[in-house]
C-alpha cells in the first residue's frame, strides 16, 4: 500500500510540475503577443492572436490549479484522482 501511495504522490507532483511549466510557457507566449503590439492597436490578425494566447493561458492555468488541488487532496485527505495515469 505504501508503494502505491508513493507512486501516486510522484505522479501527482509530476503532473503539477508539468502543468506549472505549461502555464509558464503560455504566459511567456501571451506576454510576447501583447508586447508585439506596441501601439495598443492590434492589426486584424492581432486580435485573434491575443484571443488564442489568452485562451491557451486560461486553459494552462486551469490545468495547473486542477493538478494542485489533486495533490492537496491526496496529501491532506488521502484521496487520489480516479483518472491518474502512472508511467
Protein backbone atom coordinates (compact mmCIF):
# COMPACT_ATOMS: atom_id res chain seq x y z
CA UNK A 1 0.00 0.00 0.00
CA UNK A 2 2.84 2.40 0.85
CA UNK A 3 4.40 1.71 -2.55
CA UNK A 4 1.15 2.69 -4.27
CA UNK A 5 0.94 5.87 -2.19
CA UNK A 6 4.50 6.77 -3.18
CA UNK A 7 3.71 6.22 -6.85
CA UNK A 8 0.55 8.28 -6.55
CA UNK A 9 2.42 11.11 -4.87
CA UNK A 10 5.17 11.04 -7.52
CA UNK A 11 2.61 11.06 -10.34
CA UNK A 12 0.70 13.97 -8.78
CA UNK A 13 3.86 16.00 -8.18
CA UNK A 14 4.96 15.32 -11.77
CA UNK A 15 1.54 16.41 -13.07
CA UNK A 16 1.75 19.63 -11.05
CA UNK A 17 5.30 20.36 -12.22
CA UNK A 18 4.35 19.80 -15.88
CA UNK A 19 1.17 21.86 -15.55
CA UNK A 20 3.15 24.69 -13.96
CA UNK A 21 5.69 24.57 -16.78
CA UNK A 22 2.86 24.71 -19.37
CA UNK A 23 1.30 27.69 -17.59
CA UNK A 24 4.66 29.48 -17.51
CA UNK A 25 5.19 28.83 -21.22
CA UNK A 26 1.66 30.03 -22.02
CA UNK A 27 2.28 33.21 -20.02
CA UNK A 28 5.52 33.87 -21.91
CA UNK A 29 3.66 33.39 -25.20
CA UNK A 30 0.85 35.70 -24.08
CA UNK A 31 3.34 38.36 -22.99
CA UNK A 32 5.16 38.08 -26.32
CA UNK A 33 1.92 38.52 -28.27
CA UNK A 34 0.90 41.54 -26.19
CA UNK A 35 4.32 43.17 -26.43
CA UNK A 36 4.25 42.66 -30.21
CA UNK A 37 1.51 45.32 -30.30
CA UNK A 38 3.35 48.43 -29.03
CA UNK A 39 0.68 50.93 -30.05
CA UNK A 40 -2.07 49.02 -28.28
CA UNK A 41 -3.96 48.83 -31.58
CA UNK A 42 -3.54 45.31 -32.93
CA UNK A 43 -3.55 44.52 -36.61
CA UNK A 44 -6.57 42.47 -37.79
CA UNK A 45 -4.85 39.15 -37.07
CA UNK A 46 -3.52 40.52 -33.78
CA UNK A 47 -6.93 40.28 -32.14
CA UNK A 48 -7.13 36.59 -32.98
CA UNK A 49 -3.57 36.02 -31.75
CA UNK A 50 -4.42 37.71 -28.44
CA UNK A 51 -7.59 35.66 -28.06
CA UNK A 52 -5.73 32.42 -28.81
CA UNK A 53 -2.91 33.22 -26.39
CA UNK A 54 -5.41 34.24 -23.71
CA UNK A 55 -7.42 31.03 -24.18
CA UNK A 56 -4.25 28.91 -24.00
CA UNK A 57 -3.12 30.73 -20.86
CA UNK A 58 -6.50 30.25 -19.17
CA UNK A 59 -6.53 26.53 -20.03
CA UNK A 60 -2.97 26.07 -18.77
CA UNK A 61 -3.77 27.87 -15.52
CA UNK A 62 -6.92 25.77 -15.03
CA UNK A 63 -4.89 22.58 -15.56
CA UNK A 64 -2.29 23.81 -13.06
CA UNK A 65 -4.99 24.50 -10.46
CA UNK A 66 -6.55 21.07 -11.04
CA UNK A 67 -3.16 19.43 -10.53
CA UNK A 68 -2.59 21.48 -7.38
CA UNK A 69 -5.99 20.56 -5.96
CA UNK A 70 -5.45 16.87 -6.74
CA UNK A 71 -2.09 16.88 -4.96
CA UNK A 72 -3.56 18.77 -1.99
CA UNK A 73 -6.48 16.35 -1.72
CA UNK A 74 -4.10 13.41 -1.78
CA UNK A 75 -1.68 14.85 0.76
CA UNK A 76 -4.38 16.19 3.08
CA UNK A 77 -7.07 13.53 2.87
CA UNK A 78 -5.53 10.59 1.04
CA UNK A 79 -7.92 10.97 -1.89
CA UNK A 80 -6.33 10.21 -5.23
CA UNK A 81 -7.93 11.13 -8.57
CA UNK A 82 -9.55 8.30 -10.48
CA UNK A 83 -8.06 9.46 -13.79
CA UNK A 84 -4.42 9.41 -12.62
CA UNK A 85 -2.05 7.74 -15.06
CA UNK A 86 1.18 6.11 -13.91
CA UNK A 87 4.29 5.68 -16.04
